[in-house]
C-alpha atoms as a PDB file:
ATOM      1  CA  UNK A   1      42.343 -42.028 -37.578  1.00  0.00           C
ATOM      2  CA  UNK A   2      40.699 -38.629 -37.840  1.00  0.00           C
ATOM      3  CA  UNK A   3      41.903 -35.717 -35.792  1.00  0.00           C
ATOM      4  CA  UNK A   4      39.578 -34.463 -33.135  1.00  0.00           C
ATOM      5  CA  UNK A   5      38.658 -30.855 -33.852  1.00  0.00           C
ATOM      6  CA  UNK A   6      37.902 -28.504 -31.064  1.00  0.00           C
ATOM      7  CA  UNK A   7      35.360 -25.797 -31.664  1.00  0.00           C
ATOM      8  CA  UNK A   8      35.830 -22.607 -29.756  1.00  0.00           C
ATOM      9  CA  UNK A   9      33.252 -19.910 -29.620  1.00  0.00           C
ATOM     10  CA  UNK A  10      34.164 -16.437 -28.427  1.00  0.00           C
ATOM     11  CA  UNK A  11      30.872 -14.695 -28.036  1.00  0.00           C
ATOM     12  CA  UNK A  12      30.614 -11.292 -26.477  1.00  0.00           C
ATOM     13  CA  UNK A  13      28.469 -11.689 -23.407  1.00  0.00           C
ATOM     14  CA  UNK A  14      26.357  -8.781 -22.322  1.00  0.00           C
ATOM     15  CA  UNK A  15      26.346  -7.643 -18.712  1.00  0.00           C
ATOM     16  CA  UNK A  16      23.345  -8.399 -16.560  1.00  0.00           C
ATOM     17  CA  UNK A  17      20.827  -5.592 -16.266  1.00  0.00           C
ATOM     18  CA  UNK A  18      20.438  -6.111 -12.527  1.00  0.00           C
ATOM     19  CA  UNK A  19      24.200  -6.039 -12.060  1.00  0.00           C
ATOM     20  CA  UNK A  20      24.549  -2.696 -13.814  1.00  0.00           C
ATOM     21  CA  UNK A  21      21.642  -1.241 -11.821  1.00  0.00           C
ATOM     22  CA  UNK A  22      23.139  -2.642  -8.613  1.00  0.00           C
ATOM     23  CA  UNK A  23      26.465  -0.969  -9.361  1.00  0.00           C
ATOM     24  CA  UNK A  24      24.728   2.346 -10.055  1.00  0.00           C
ATOM     25  CA  UNK A  25      22.834   2.096  -6.765  1.00  0.00           C
ATOM     26  CA  UNK A  26      26.117   1.386  -4.957  1.00  0.00           C
ATOM     27  CA  UNK A  27      27.641   4.480  -6.538  1.00  0.00           C
ATOM     28  CA  UNK A  28      24.642   6.592  -5.506  1.00  0.00           C
ATOM     29  CA  UNK A  29      24.754   5.271  -1.938  1.00  0.00           C
ATOM     30  CA  UNK A  30      28.494   5.923  -1.742  1.00  0.00           C
ATOM     31  CA  UNK A  31      28.057   9.462  -3.036  1.00  0.00           C
ATOM     32  CA  UNK A  32      25.328  10.058  -0.463  1.00  0.00           C
ATOM     33  CA  UNK A  33      27.680   8.750   2.226  1.00  0.00           C
ATOM     34  CA  UNK A  34      30.449  11.157   1.265  1.00  0.00           C
ATOM     35  CA  UNK A  35      27.950  13.984   0.839  1.00  0.00           C
ATOM     36  CA  UNK A  36      26.522  13.353   4.296  1.00  0.00           C
ATOM     37  CA  UNK A  37      30.018  13.226   5.788  1.00  0.00           C
ATOM     38  CA  UNK A  38      30.948  16.557   4.198  1.00  0.00           C
ATOM     39  CA  UNK A  39      27.645  18.169   5.256  1.00  0.00           C
ATOM     40  CA  UNK A  40      28.118  16.902   8.803  1.00  0.00           C
ATOM     41  CA  UNK A  41      31.625  18.329   8.848  1.00  0.00           C
ATOM     42  CA  UNK A  42      30.459  21.715   7.548  1.00  0.00           C
ATOM     43  CA  UNK A  43      27.533  21.822  10.005  1.00  0.00           C
ATOM     44  CA  UNK A  44      29.762  20.754  12.940  1.00  0.00           C
ATOM     45  CA  UNK A  45      27.696  17.622  13.556  1.00  0.00           C
ATOM     46  CA  UNK A  46      24.385  19.499  13.758  1.00  0.00           C
ATOM     47  CA  UNK A  47      22.784  18.135  10.567  1.00  0.00           C
ATOM     48  CA  UNK A  48      19.944  16.522  12.425  1.00  0.00           C
ATOM     49  CA  UNK A  49      16.909  15.299  10.561  1.00  0.00           C
ATOM     50  CA  UNK A  50      18.165  16.138   7.061  1.00  0.00           C
ATOM     51  CA  UNK A  51      21.293  14.018   7.302  1.00  0.00           C
ATOM     52  CA  UNK A  52      19.329  11.260   9.013  1.00  0.00           C
ATOM     53  CA  UNK A  53      16.846  11.175   6.149  1.00  0.00           C
ATOM     54  CA  UNK A  54      19.717  11.116   3.672  1.00  0.00           C
ATOM     55  CA  UNK A  55      21.245   8.187   5.561  1.00  0.00           C
ATOM     56  CA  UNK A  56      17.994   6.214   5.635  1.00  0.00           C
ATOM     57  CA  UNK A  57      17.550   6.826   1.889  1.00  0.00           C
ATOM     58  CA  UNK A  58      21.090   5.647   1.182  1.00  0.00           C
ATOM     59  CA  UNK A  59      20.572   2.576   3.385  1.00  0.00           C
ATOM     60  CA  UNK A  60      17.444   1.721   1.411  1.00  0.00           C
ATOM     61  CA  UNK A  61      19.320   2.149  -1.871  1.00  0.00           C
ATOM     62  CA  UNK A  62      22.112  -0.155  -0.743  1.00  0.00           C
ATOM     63  CA  UNK A  63      19.703  -2.840   0.523  1.00  0.00           C
ATOM     64  CA  UNK A  64      17.754  -2.749  -2.749  1.00  0.00           C
ATOM     65  CA  UNK A  65      20.985  -2.769  -4.764  1.00  0.00           C
ATOM     66  CA  UNK A  66      22.278  -5.759  -2.802  1.00  0.00           C
ATOM     67  CA  UNK A  67      19.083  -7.732  -3.455  1.00  0.00           C
ATOM     68  CA  UNK A  68      19.088  -6.705  -7.116  1.00  0.00           C
ATOM     69  CA  UNK A  69      22.737  -7.755  -7.483  1.00  0.00           C
ATOM     70  CA  UNK A  70      22.091 -11.173  -5.977  1.00  0.00           C
ATOM     71  CA  UNK A  71      19.047 -11.765  -8.178  1.00  0.00           C
ATOM     72  CA  UNK A  72      21.044 -10.890 -11.290  1.00  0.00           C
ATOM     73  CA  UNK A  73      23.227 -13.987 -10.828  1.00  0.00           C
ATOM     74  CA  UNK A  74      20.311 -16.135 -12.025  1.00  0.00           C
ATOM     75  CA  UNK A  75      20.440 -14.761 -15.593  1.00  0.00           C
ATOM     76  CA  UNK A  76      21.884 -17.156 -18.158  1.00  0.00           C
ATOM     77  CA  UNK A  77      24.706 -16.518 -20.668  1.00  0.00           C
ATOM     78  CA  UNK A  78      25.650 -13.132 -19.243  1.00  0.00           C
ATOM     79  CA  UNK A  79      28.786 -11.552 -17.842  1.00  0.00           C
ATOM     80  CA  UNK A  80      28.631 -11.182 -14.067  1.00  0.00           C
ATOM     81  CA  UNK A  81      31.292  -8.538 -13.444  1.00  0.00           C
ATOM     82  CA  UNK A  82      28.870  -5.766 -12.522  1.00  0.00           C
ATOM     83  CA  UNK A  83      26.792  -8.204 -10.477  1.00  0.00           C
ATOM     84  CA  UNK A  84      29.827  -9.017  -8.344  1.00  0.00           C
ATOM     85  CA  UNK A  85      30.907  -5.387  -7.999  1.00  0.00           C
ATOM     86  CA  UNK A  86      27.398  -4.180  -7.150  1.00  0.00           C
ATOM     87  CA  UNK A  87      26.670  -6.943  -4.652  1.00  0.00           C
ATOM     88  CA  UNK A  88      29.932  -6.528  -2.754  1.00  0.00           C
ATOM     89  CA  UNK A  89      29.844  -2.721  -2.764  1.00  0.00           C
ATOM     90  CA  UNK A  90      26.217  -2.608  -1.644  1.00  0.00           C
ATOM     91  CA  UNK A  91      26.894  -5.201   1.054  1.00  0.00           C
ATOM     92  CA  UNK A  92      29.784  -3.175   2.443  1.00  0.00           C
ATOM     93  CA  UNK A  93      27.826   0.083   2.285  1.00  0.00           C
ATOM     94  CA  UNK A  94      24.839  -1.566   3.934  1.00  0.00           C
ATOM     95  CA  UNK A  95      26.988  -2.709   6.868  1.00  0.00           C
ATOM     96  CA  UNK A  96      28.538   0.770   7.172  1.00  0.00           C
ATOM     97  CA  UNK A  97      25.136   2.488   7.142  1.00  0.00           C
ATOM     98  CA  UNK A  98      23.675   0.085   9.719  1.00  0.00           C
ATOM     99  CA  UNK A  99      26.717   0.510  11.975  1.00  0.00           C
ATOM    100  CA  UNK A 100      26.508   4.291  11.657  1.00  0.00           C
ATOM    101  CA  UNK A 101      22.791   4.179  12.443  1.00  0.00           C
ATOM    102  CA  UNK A 102      23.351   1.991  15.527  1.00  0.00           C
ATOM    103  CA  UNK A 103      26.140   4.261  16.781  1.00  0.00           C
ATOM    104  CA  UNK A 104      23.798   7.228  16.391  1.00  0.00           C
ATOM    105  CA  UNK A 105      21.071   5.524  18.422  1.00  0.00           C
ATOM    106  CA  UNK A 106      23.310   4.677  21.370  1.00  0.00           C
END
């Protein structure tokens, strides 16, 4: 009786392009968040329109990054590490930005 041979293939999978872009957008949105917090602290809460525009821009980046991260899961034979990191980070930042925006309105 012949032995059954197992064939293993260790290929190096490339990361998804959308996942990498999603992670970069999460980093940019996070940096804008910390920048806005520092500017608000320096200006004693009187940042006004400039910090609001920065917040809306960062919210848009996180929404787009979240969508991009979710779409990147459809790529075949790729590593999904950056897709997971970007999707989760953008989702968390999106919730933070929306909550901050709603607190500012009320």
